[in-house]
Amino acid sequence: MAPLTGLQIQKLLPKTNCKECGSNTCLAFAMKLAAKKAELSECPYVSDEAKAILGAAAEPPVRTVTIGVGDGACSMGGETVMFRHEKTFVNRTAIGIALDDAMDLAELDRRIAEVKAYRLERVGEVLLVDAVSVEAKSGSAEKYVEVLRHVANAWDRAIIARASDAALLRTAAETLKERRPLLASATTDTLDAVRDAATANGAAMAVTADNLDAIAAMTEQLRAADFRDAVIELRAGSLCEQFASNTIVRRGALKAGLKSLGYPTLRYVNTGNAIDDAVEAGIEIAKYGGIVVLPEFDPAMFVSLLTLRQNIFTDPQKPIQVEPKVYAIGAPNENSPTFVTTNFSLTYFIVSGEIENSGLSAWLLVPECEGMSVLAAWAAGKFGGAKIAAAAKELGLESQTACRKLVIPGYVSQISGELEEALPGWKIIVGPQEAGDIESFIKNVLAA
């Protein structure tokens, strides 16, 4: 069936031009649907008839699959673009850690506790490990069930059950029925049995083969059986092959409209070398991975991977930003000086952190700059003297401090004169250009 055009889709929409979907007209929204850059659910007034007709046509080319439950659930897929600047990437690459039933319970507890306790806070967001994978290595079904139950009691986020035996995957699905696990992975020989186990227990499942043709044939069988919650486990013999396979799958789904490839991916990384593991996991994050599982937990590695993921999966049209207001750094009082920066989250947290590290208690004025950095906001006319002065008055800065010292970033020293005119009685001090120099500036200049 050929894809519906924007005009064909528009005929099925309510034609109210209510703008509640974010588009100016129903036709504009229809064009977005045709281009896979919007979802039908964004229209609050679409009829059941239209949903029935447009449902499949309007669904994202890469299906969204969710594993886990409640706050510990993670979603993969749902993507509509090849590159984040075209719109945005939707669901972050989930990152998991590999466990197996050959480990004793004490070692399992140690690893789970270590991973569960890990929290990386960056630019106001707490980043966590998303999942654990439990592989059947002992050869005992009883041991596998015991370990799965033990992990389920200790771990509240997503769980992947990994086994080559379809009977063990059924046992895992039954054991973890309330947790919506991912069963990994069905082969051509075990496809029907694993699908039946996943269907009966509300689980998702992964399929794997040595080539994409075989994988596509399996996903077509799942689609024919009306099973949608599938994940593709790609096997790659090299980093180059991994990169190419991920790209082929995404391009096939988005550009060629191949429903058989329109699923998120699963990849197990285990090169035997921590640096190579980090590189392969980084490729998964940068190039279309749905979930990647690492063999060990290394906090140093995870700082890099989680930071990379956070940067890639931010919406390029909506920079991460903090609320415009006057922030207290330390325990400032009416005699404390004031610093000013933009509401771009990374800028705010770096500047506030450097002030805090210096031991100085101060106020930090953060005007509305639409999430831009200092120079970008200044160039856009959103961080000039008049704008900062207006924000200071609107946010009640003068009622919070009697100290009339305001430190501005060194990169925008040219606004100091305009700011002094807009804030009579204030002493405008040009601070350092780099946030890393704030501590020495405070000790050598501001305190002098």
Protein backbone atom coordinates (compact mmCIF):
# COMPACT_ATOMS: atom_id res chain seq x y z
CA MET A 1 0.00 0.00 0.00
CA ALA A 2 1.41 3.38 -1.03
CA PRO A 3 1.88 5.97 1.75
CA LEU A 4 -0.94 8.47 2.11
CA THR A 5 -0.22 12.00 0.93
CA GLY A 6 -0.75 15.07 3.07
CA LEU A 7 -3.91 15.97 1.16
CA GLN A 8 -5.34 12.48 1.61
CA ILE A 9 -4.64 12.60 5.33
CA GLN A 10 -6.10 16.10 5.63
CA LYS A 11 -9.47 14.85 4.35
CA LEU A 12 -9.67 12.53 7.37
CA LEU A 13 -8.85 15.21 9.95
CA PRO A 14 -11.52 17.35 11.67
CA LYS A 15 -10.59 20.48 9.62
CA THR A 16 -11.13 22.80 12.59
CA ASN A 17 -7.69 24.46 12.36
CA CYS A 18 -7.78 24.63 16.16
CA LYS A 19 -3.95 24.76 16.40
CA GLU A 20 -3.99 22.57 19.53
CA CYS A 21 -1.71 20.08 17.78
CA GLY A 22 0.95 22.77 17.42
CA SER A 23 0.37 23.33 13.69
CA ASN A 24 -1.40 26.38 12.29
CA THR A 25 -3.82 24.36 10.15
CA CYS A 26 -5.07 20.82 9.76
CA LEU A 27 -3.35 20.73 6.38
CA ALA A 28 -0.01 21.63 7.94
CA PHE A 29 -0.52 18.89 10.53
CA ALA A 30 -1.44 16.44 7.75
CA MET A 31 1.80 17.28 5.95
CA LYS A 32 3.74 16.53 9.14
CA LEU A 33 1.93 13.21 9.49
CA ALA A 34 2.76 12.32 5.90
CA ALA A 35 6.41 13.14 6.56
CA LYS A 36 6.38 11.08 9.79
CA LYS A 37 7.26 14.21 11.76
CA ALA A 38 4.15 14.14 13.96
CA GLU A 39 1.92 11.54 15.58
CA LEU A 40 -1.84 11.21 15.14
CA SER A 41 -2.31 11.33 18.93
CA GLU A 42 -1.31 15.01 18.85
CA CYS A 43 -4.72 15.83 17.35
CA PRO A 44 -7.25 15.97 20.22
CA TYR A 45 -10.31 15.77 17.96
CA VAL A 46 -9.44 13.03 15.48
CA SER A 47 -12.32 10.59 14.95
CA ASP A 48 -12.25 6.85 15.63
CA GLU A 49 -12.77 6.28 11.91
CA ALA A 50 -9.70 8.36 11.09
CA LYS A 51 -7.69 6.55 13.76
CA ALA A 52 -8.60 3.23 12.19
CA ILE A 53 -7.59 4.40 8.72
CA LEU A 54 -4.55 6.46 9.67
CA GLY A 55 -3.28 4.44 12.60
CA ALA A 56 -0.78 2.32 10.70
CA ALA A 57 0.04 5.10 8.24
CA ALA A 58 0.72 7.59 11.00
CA GLU A 59 2.69 5.37 13.39
CA PRO A 60 6.40 6.16 13.72
CA PRO A 61 8.54 4.22 11.22
CA VAL A 62 10.48 2.76 14.16
CA ARG A 63 8.06 1.19 16.60
CA THR A 64 8.16 2.21 20.27
CA VAL A 65 8.79 -0.77 22.58
CA THR A 66 8.63 -0.40 26.36
CA ILE A 67 10.09 -2.84 28.86
CA GLY A 68 9.82 -2.68 32.61
CA VAL A 69 6.99 -1.15 34.60
CA GLY A 70 6.24 2.04 36.51
CA ASP A 71 9.07 4.48 37.12
CA GLY A 72 11.59 1.81 36.17
CA ALA A 73 10.28 1.33 32.64
CA CYS A 74 12.33 2.35 29.62
CA SER A 75 11.15 2.91 26.06
CA MET A 76 13.08 2.33 22.86
CA GLY A 77 12.37 3.31 19.28
CA GLY A 78 9.63 5.74 18.26
CA GLU A 79 12.08 7.53 15.98
CA THR A 80 11.08 9.56 12.92
CA VAL A 81 14.36 11.09 11.70
CA MET A 82 17.85 10.01 10.69
CA PHE A 83 19.56 13.00 12.29
CA ARG A 84 18.62 14.84 15.47
CA HIS A 85 18.78 18.29 13.85
CA GLU A 86 15.92 17.32 11.52
CA LYS A 87 13.57 17.27 14.49
CA THR A 88 14.84 15.38 17.52
CA PHE A 89 15.58 11.86 18.67
CA VAL A 90 12.81 10.53 20.89
CA ASN A 91 13.87 7.69 23.20
CA ARG A 92 17.38 7.52 24.58
CA THR A 93 19.53 4.47 24.05
CA ALA A 94 18.98 2.37 27.16
CA ILE A 95 22.15 1.15 28.87
CA GLY A 96 22.28 -2.12 30.79
CA ILE A 97 24.69 -4.37 32.66
CA ALA A 98 25.10 -8.12 32.08
CA LEU A 99 24.55 -10.62 34.89
CA ASP A 100 24.19 -14.40 34.75
CA ASP A 101 22.94 -17.29 36.86
CA ALA A 102 26.45 -18.75 37.25
CA MET A 103 27.24 -15.95 39.72
CA ASP A 104 26.64 -16.65 43.38
CA LEU A 105 23.96 -14.59 45.10
CA ALA A 106 26.47 -12.52 47.06
CA GLU A 107 28.19 -11.41 43.86
CA LEU A 108 24.83 -10.65 42.26
CA ASP A 109 23.86 -8.54 45.26
CA ARG A 110 27.17 -6.67 45.12
CA ARG A 111 26.83 -5.85 41.43
CA ILE A 112 23.18 -4.87 41.64
CA ALA A 113 23.77 -2.67 44.68
CA GLU A 114 26.67 -0.95 42.91
CA VAL A 115 24.65 -0.26 39.78
CA LYS A 116 21.50 0.71 41.65
CA ALA A 117 23.37 3.20 43.81
CA TYR A 118 25.01 4.90 40.83
CA ARG A 119 23.60 8.35 40.15
CA LEU A 120 25.22 10.89 37.85
CA GLU A 121 23.74 14.35 38.22
CA ARG A 122 24.49 16.60 35.28
CA VAL A 123 22.89 19.94 34.39
CA GLY A 124 20.05 19.26 36.79
CA GLU A 125 19.22 15.77 35.51
CA VAL A 126 19.89 12.51 37.34
CA LEU A 127 21.25 9.85 34.96
CA LEU A 128 20.92 6.17 35.86
CA VAL A 129 21.64 2.69 34.53
CA ASP A 130 18.44 1.53 32.83
CA ALA A 131 18.46 -2.26 32.84
CA VAL A 132 20.14 -5.51 33.81
CA SER A 133 20.37 -8.58 31.62
CA VAL A 134 20.28 -12.01 33.26
CA GLU A 135 21.72 -14.78 31.10
CA ALA A 136 21.15 -18.52 31.61
CA LYS A 137 24.67 -19.97 31.88
CA SER A 138 24.36 -22.55 34.65
CA GLY A 139 22.40 -25.07 32.59
CA SER A 140 19.85 -25.44 35.40
CA ALA A 141 16.30 -24.15 34.99
CA GLU A 142 15.86 -24.13 38.77
CA LYS A 143 18.98 -22.02 39.25
CA TYR A 144 17.89 -19.60 36.51
CA VAL A 145 14.48 -19.11 38.14
CA GLU A 146 16.11 -18.57 41.54
CA VAL A 147 18.43 -15.91 40.14
CA LEU A 148 15.66 -14.20 38.16
CA ARG A 149 13.52 -13.93 41.29
CA HIS A 150 16.48 -12.68 43.29
CA VAL A 151 17.26 -10.01 40.71
CA ALA A 152 13.60 -8.98 40.44
CA ASN A 153 13.46 -8.43 44.21
CA ALA A 154 16.66 -6.38 44.25
CA TRP A 155 16.26 -4.42 40.99
CA ASP A 156 13.31 -2.13 40.22
CA ARG A 157 14.16 -1.15 36.65
CA ALA A 158 13.97 -3.05 33.36
CA ILE A 159 15.10 -6.68 33.12
CA ILE A 160 16.26 -8.63 30.06
CA ALA A 161 16.10 -12.43 30.26
CA ARG A 162 18.70 -13.96 27.94
CA ALA A 163 18.79 -17.62 26.95
CA SER A 164 19.20 -19.71 23.81
CA ASP A 165 16.61 -22.25 24.97
CA ALA A 166 12.98 -21.33 24.21
CA ALA A 167 11.80 -23.29 27.27
CA LEU A 168 14.03 -21.21 29.52
CA LEU A 169 12.72 -18.00 27.96
CA ARG A 170 9.16 -19.17 28.61
CA THR A 171 10.12 -19.89 32.22
CA ALA A 172 11.67 -16.44 32.47
CA ALA A 173 8.56 -14.80 31.01
CA GLU A 174 6.37 -16.59 33.55
CA THR A 175 8.70 -15.77 36.44
CA LEU A 176 8.90 -12.08 35.51
CA LYS A 177 5.32 -11.75 34.28
CA GLU A 178 4.60 -8.69 36.44
CA ARG A 179 7.79 -6.93 35.31
CA ARG A 180 7.30 -6.88 31.51
CA PRO A 181 10.75 -8.25 30.63
CA LEU A 182 12.51 -8.44 27.28
CA LEU A 183 13.12 -12.02 26.14
CA ALA A 184 16.41 -12.30 24.24
CA SER A 185 16.62 -13.68 21.72
CA ALA A 186 14.52 -15.82 19.43
CA THR A 187 16.08 -17.48 16.40
CA THR A 188 14.36 -18.83 13.30
CA ASP A 189 13.93 -22.20 15.06
CA THR A 190 12.54 -20.77 18.33
CA LEU A 191 10.54 -17.83 16.97
CA ASP A 192 7.05 -19.29 17.42
CA ALA A 193 7.73 -20.67 20.90
CA VAL A 194 9.24 -17.43 22.19
CA ARG A 195 6.46 -15.36 20.62
CA ASP A 196 3.84 -17.52 22.34
CA ALA A 197 5.65 -17.10 25.68
CA ALA A 198 5.90 -13.34 25.24
CA THR A 199 2.25 -13.02 24.23
CA ALA A 200 0.99 -15.13 27.13
CA ASN A 201 3.01 -13.17 29.71
CA GLY A 202 2.94 -9.61 28.38
CA ALA A 203 6.65 -9.55 27.55
CA ALA A 204 8.61 -8.03 24.68
CA MET A 205 10.96 -10.20 22.66
CA ALA A 206 14.12 -9.85 20.61
CA VAL A 207 14.92 -11.70 17.40
CA THR A 208 18.39 -12.44 16.12
CA ALA A 209 20.10 -13.97 13.10
CA ASP A 210 23.37 -13.77 11.20
CA ASN A 211 22.00 -11.38 8.57
CA LEU A 212 19.35 -8.72 8.10
CA ASP A 213 17.36 -10.75 5.55
CA ALA A 214 16.74 -13.49 8.11
CA ILE A 215 15.83 -10.93 10.77
CA ALA A 216 13.41 -9.20 8.40
CA ALA A 217 11.77 -12.54 7.62
CA MET A 218 11.24 -13.16 11.34
CA THR A 219 9.77 -9.74 12.02
CA GLU A 220 7.41 -10.22 9.08
CA GLN A 221 6.20 -13.43 10.70
CA LEU A 222 5.65 -11.54 13.95
CA ARG A 223 3.70 -8.84 12.14
CA ALA A 224 1.55 -11.48 10.45
CA ALA A 225 0.79 -12.87 13.92
CA ASP A 226 -0.03 -9.32 15.10
CA PHE A 227 2.90 -9.28 17.53
CA ARG A 228 4.41 -5.79 17.63
CA ASP A 229 6.65 -5.52 20.71
CA ALA A 230 9.79 -6.81 19.04
CA VAL A 231 13.43 -5.77 19.19
CA ILE A 232 16.16 -6.64 16.69
CA GLU A 233 19.44 -8.06 18.05
CA LEU A 234 22.07 -7.42 15.41
CA ARG A 235 25.19 -9.55 15.27
CA ALA A 236 28.28 -7.71 14.09
CA GLY A 237 31.79 -9.06 13.68
CA SER A 238 33.45 -5.65 13.70
CA LEU A 239 32.90 -2.04 14.65
CA CYS A 240 32.50 -1.14 10.98
CA GLU A 241 29.85 -3.81 10.50
CA GLN A 242 28.05 -2.65 13.64
CA PHE A 243 27.94 0.93 12.36
CA ALA A 244 26.78 -0.15 8.92
CA SER A 245 24.07 -2.52 10.19
CA ASN A 246 22.57 0.07 12.54
CA THR A 247 22.50 2.62 9.74
CA ILE A 248 20.94 0.20 7.25
CA VAL A 249 18.18 -0.69 9.72
CA ARG A 250 17.33 2.95 10.48
CA ARG A 251 17.52 4.04 6.84
CA GLY A 252 15.48 1.07 5.69
CA ALA A 253 12.74 1.90 8.18
CA LEU A 254 12.67 5.65 7.57
CA LYS A 255 13.61 6.09 3.94
CA ALA A 256 12.42 2.86 2.33
CA GLY A 257 9.42 2.35 4.61
CA LEU A 258 10.42 -1.24 5.44
CA LYS A 259 8.14 -2.27 8.30
CA SER A 260 10.25 -5.38 8.78
CA LEU A 261 13.15 -3.19 9.96
CA GLY A 262 11.08 -0.67 11.91
CA TYR A 263 12.09 -1.89 15.36
CA PRO A 264 14.56 -0.74 18.01
CA THR A 265 17.80 -2.69 18.34
CA LEU A 266 19.54 -4.64 21.09
CA ARG A 267 23.28 -5.15 21.26
CA TYR A 268 25.50 -6.98 23.73
CA VAL A 269 29.01 -5.55 23.93
CA ASN A 270 31.86 -7.68 25.24
CA THR A 271 35.20 -7.15 23.49
CA GLY A 272 37.35 -8.16 26.46
CA ASN A 273 38.74 -4.64 26.69
CA ALA A 274 37.06 -1.84 28.62
CA ILE A 275 38.13 0.90 26.21
CA ASP A 276 36.87 -1.02 23.19
CA ASP A 277 33.63 -1.73 25.07
CA ALA A 278 33.18 2.00 25.64
CA VAL A 279 33.83 2.74 21.96
CA GLU A 280 31.27 0.18 20.78
CA ALA A 281 28.70 1.40 23.30
CA GLY A 282 29.37 4.96 22.18
CA ILE A 283 28.67 3.97 18.56
CA GLU A 284 25.35 2.45 19.67
CA ILE A 285 24.39 5.68 21.43
CA ALA A 286 25.44 7.88 18.53
CA LYS A 287 24.07 5.68 15.77
CA TYR A 288 20.61 4.40 16.47
CA GLY A 289 21.01 1.83 19.26
CA GLY A 290 17.86 0.95 21.18
CA ILE A 291 19.51 -0.76 24.13
CA VAL A 292 23.14 -1.69 24.70
CA VAL A 293 24.32 -4.11 27.41
CA LEU A 294 27.86 -3.92 28.82
CA PRO A 295 29.68 -6.79 30.55
CA GLU A 296 30.87 -4.83 33.59
CA PHE A 297 29.97 -1.70 35.51
CA ASP A 298 32.74 0.91 35.42
CA PRO A 299 31.74 4.32 36.86
CA ALA A 300 34.43 6.09 34.83
CA MET A 301 33.07 4.59 31.60
CA PHE A 302 29.50 5.42 32.51
CA VAL A 303 30.26 9.09 33.08
CA SER A 304 31.38 9.31 29.45
CA LEU A 305 28.54 7.22 28.03
CA LEU A 306 25.74 8.90 29.98
CA THR A 307 27.11 12.36 29.20
CA LEU A 308 27.35 11.49 25.50
CA ARG A 309 23.80 10.15 25.55
CA GLN A 310 22.43 13.20 27.32
CA ASN A 311 24.03 15.51 24.76
CA ILE A 312 22.77 13.56 21.75
CA PHE A 313 19.24 13.05 23.03
CA THR A 314 18.44 16.64 23.92
CA ASP A 315 15.93 18.37 21.68
CA PRO A 316 17.97 20.71 19.44
CA GLN A 317 14.93 22.97 19.14
CA LYS A 318 14.53 23.20 22.93
CA PRO A 319 17.86 23.64 24.72
CA ILE A 320 18.05 22.35 28.28
CA GLN A 321 17.40 25.36 30.47
CA VAL A 322 16.79 26.33 34.06
CA GLU A 323 14.06 28.57 35.41
CA PRO A 324 14.85 32.30 35.14
CA LYS A 325 15.15 33.62 38.70
CA VAL A 326 17.60 34.77 41.37
CA TYR A 327 19.42 31.72 42.78
CA ALA A 328 21.10 31.58 46.17
CA ILE A 329 24.57 30.03 45.98
CA GLY A 330 25.65 29.02 49.46
CA ALA A 331 23.99 31.14 52.14
CA PRO A 332 23.97 34.69 50.74
CA ASN A 333 22.61 37.67 52.64
CA GLU A 334 21.96 41.33 51.87
CA ASN A 335 25.70 42.03 51.73
CA SER A 336 26.47 39.34 49.18
CA PRO A 337 27.46 40.22 45.59
CA THR A 338 25.52 39.11 42.53
CA PHE A 339 26.72 37.24 39.46
CA VAL A 340 24.74 36.99 36.23
CA THR A 341 24.62 34.29 33.55
CA THR A 342 22.12 32.84 31.08
CA ASN A 343 19.54 30.13 31.69
CA PHE A 344 21.27 27.53 29.50
CA SER A 345 21.54 24.62 31.95
CA LEU A 346 25.16 23.75 31.28
CA THR A 347 26.22 27.38 31.70
CA TYR A 348 24.19 27.77 34.90
CA PHE A 349 25.53 24.63 36.58
CA ILE A 350 29.14 25.35 35.64
CA VAL A 351 28.98 28.93 36.89
CA SER A 352 27.07 28.10 40.07
CA GLY A 353 29.46 25.24 40.77
CA GLU A 354 32.54 27.44 40.42
CA ILE A 355 31.05 30.07 42.73
CA GLU A 356 30.20 27.39 45.27
CA ASN A 357 33.68 25.84 45.04
CA SER A 358 35.22 29.21 45.86
CA GLY A 359 33.47 29.22 49.24
CA LEU A 360 31.73 32.52 48.49
CA SER A 361 28.02 32.93 49.18
CA ALA A 362 26.47 34.95 46.40
CA TRP A 363 23.34 35.60 44.39
CA LEU A 364 23.15 34.38 40.80
CA LEU A 365 20.81 36.32 38.52
CA VAL A 366 19.53 34.19 35.64
CA PRO A 367 17.36 36.06 33.10
CA GLU A 368 15.25 34.42 30.38
CA CYS A 369 17.57 33.76 27.42
CA GLU A 370 15.68 30.88 25.76
CA GLY A 371 18.33 28.41 26.88
CA MET A 372 21.16 30.04 24.95
CA SER A 373 24.77 30.29 26.06
CA VAL A 374 26.28 33.66 26.96
CA LEU A 375 27.68 34.63 23.56
CA ALA A 376 24.75 33.17 21.61
CA ALA A 377 22.25 35.02 23.81
CA TRP A 378 24.21 38.28 23.49
CA ALA A 379 24.39 37.91 19.70
CA ALA A 380 20.63 37.28 19.60
CA GLY A 381 19.93 40.41 21.63
CA LYS A 382 18.70 38.47 24.66
CA PHE A 383 21.57 39.16 27.05
CA GLY A 384 22.24 42.87 26.80
CA GLY A 385 22.29 45.55 29.49
CA ALA A 386 18.63 46.47 29.13
CA LYS A 387 17.51 42.82 29.22
CA ILE A 388 19.56 42.03 32.33
CA ALA A 389 18.37 45.17 34.10
CA ALA A 390 14.74 44.38 33.30
CA ALA A 391 15.19 40.85 34.64
CA ALA A 392 16.81 42.16 37.83
CA LYS A 393 13.82 44.40 38.49
CA GLU A 394 11.22 41.82 37.49
CA LEU A 395 12.80 39.10 39.64
CA GLY A 396 13.14 41.39 42.67
CA LEU A 397 16.93 41.33 42.92
CA GLU A 398 17.18 44.69 44.68
CA SER A 399 14.90 43.51 47.50
CA GLN A 400 17.16 40.52 48.16
CA THR A 401 20.50 42.28 48.47
CA ALA A 402 21.74 45.68 49.53
CA CYS A 403 25.13 45.00 47.96
CA ARG A 404 25.20 46.73 44.61
CA LYS A 405 27.96 44.69 42.98
CA LEU A 406 26.98 42.84 39.82
CA VAL A 407 29.54 40.60 38.08
CA ILE A 408 29.00 40.01 34.36
CA PRO A 409 30.74 37.42 32.13
CA GLY A 410 33.98 38.69 30.62
CA TYR A 411 32.89 37.74 27.10
CA VAL A 412 30.20 40.45 27.19
CA SER A 413 32.25 43.22 28.83
CA GLN A 414 30.90 45.65 26.23
CA ILE A 415 27.48 45.69 27.91
CA SER A 416 28.83 47.10 31.18
CA GLY A 417 28.15 50.74 30.25
CA GLU A 418 24.60 50.05 29.11
CA LEU A 419 23.98 48.02 32.26
CA GLU A 420 25.25 50.79 34.56
CA GLU A 421 22.84 53.22 32.90
CA ALA A 422 19.95 50.77 33.24
CA LEU A 423 20.79 49.95 36.88
CA PRO A 424 21.73 53.26 38.54
CA GLY A 425 23.62 52.82 41.77
CA TRP A 426 25.04 49.46 40.84
CA LYS A 427 28.74 48.78 40.32
CA ILE A 428 29.16 46.59 37.26
CA ILE A 429 32.23 44.36 37.51
CA VAL A 430 33.57 42.52 34.48
CA GLY A 431 34.32 38.96 35.49
CA PRO A 432 36.49 36.33 33.80
CA GLN A 433 35.73 34.99 30.35
CA GLU A 434 35.99 31.34 31.39
CA ALA A 435 33.98 29.86 34.24
CA GLY A 436 37.06 27.94 35.37
CA ASP A 437 38.67 31.26 36.35
CA ILE A 438 35.80 32.35 38.63
CA GLU A 439 37.40 30.97 41.80
CA SER A 440 40.67 32.84 41.30
CA PHE A 441 38.72 35.96 40.24
CA ILE A 442 36.76 35.89 43.49
CA LYS A 443 39.89 35.51 45.60
CA ASN A 444 42.12 37.96 43.73
CA VAL A 445 39.72 40.59 42.40
CA LEU A 446 36.32 40.53 44.04
CA ALA A 447 37.65 40.05 47.57
CA ALA A 448 40.44 42.63 47.15
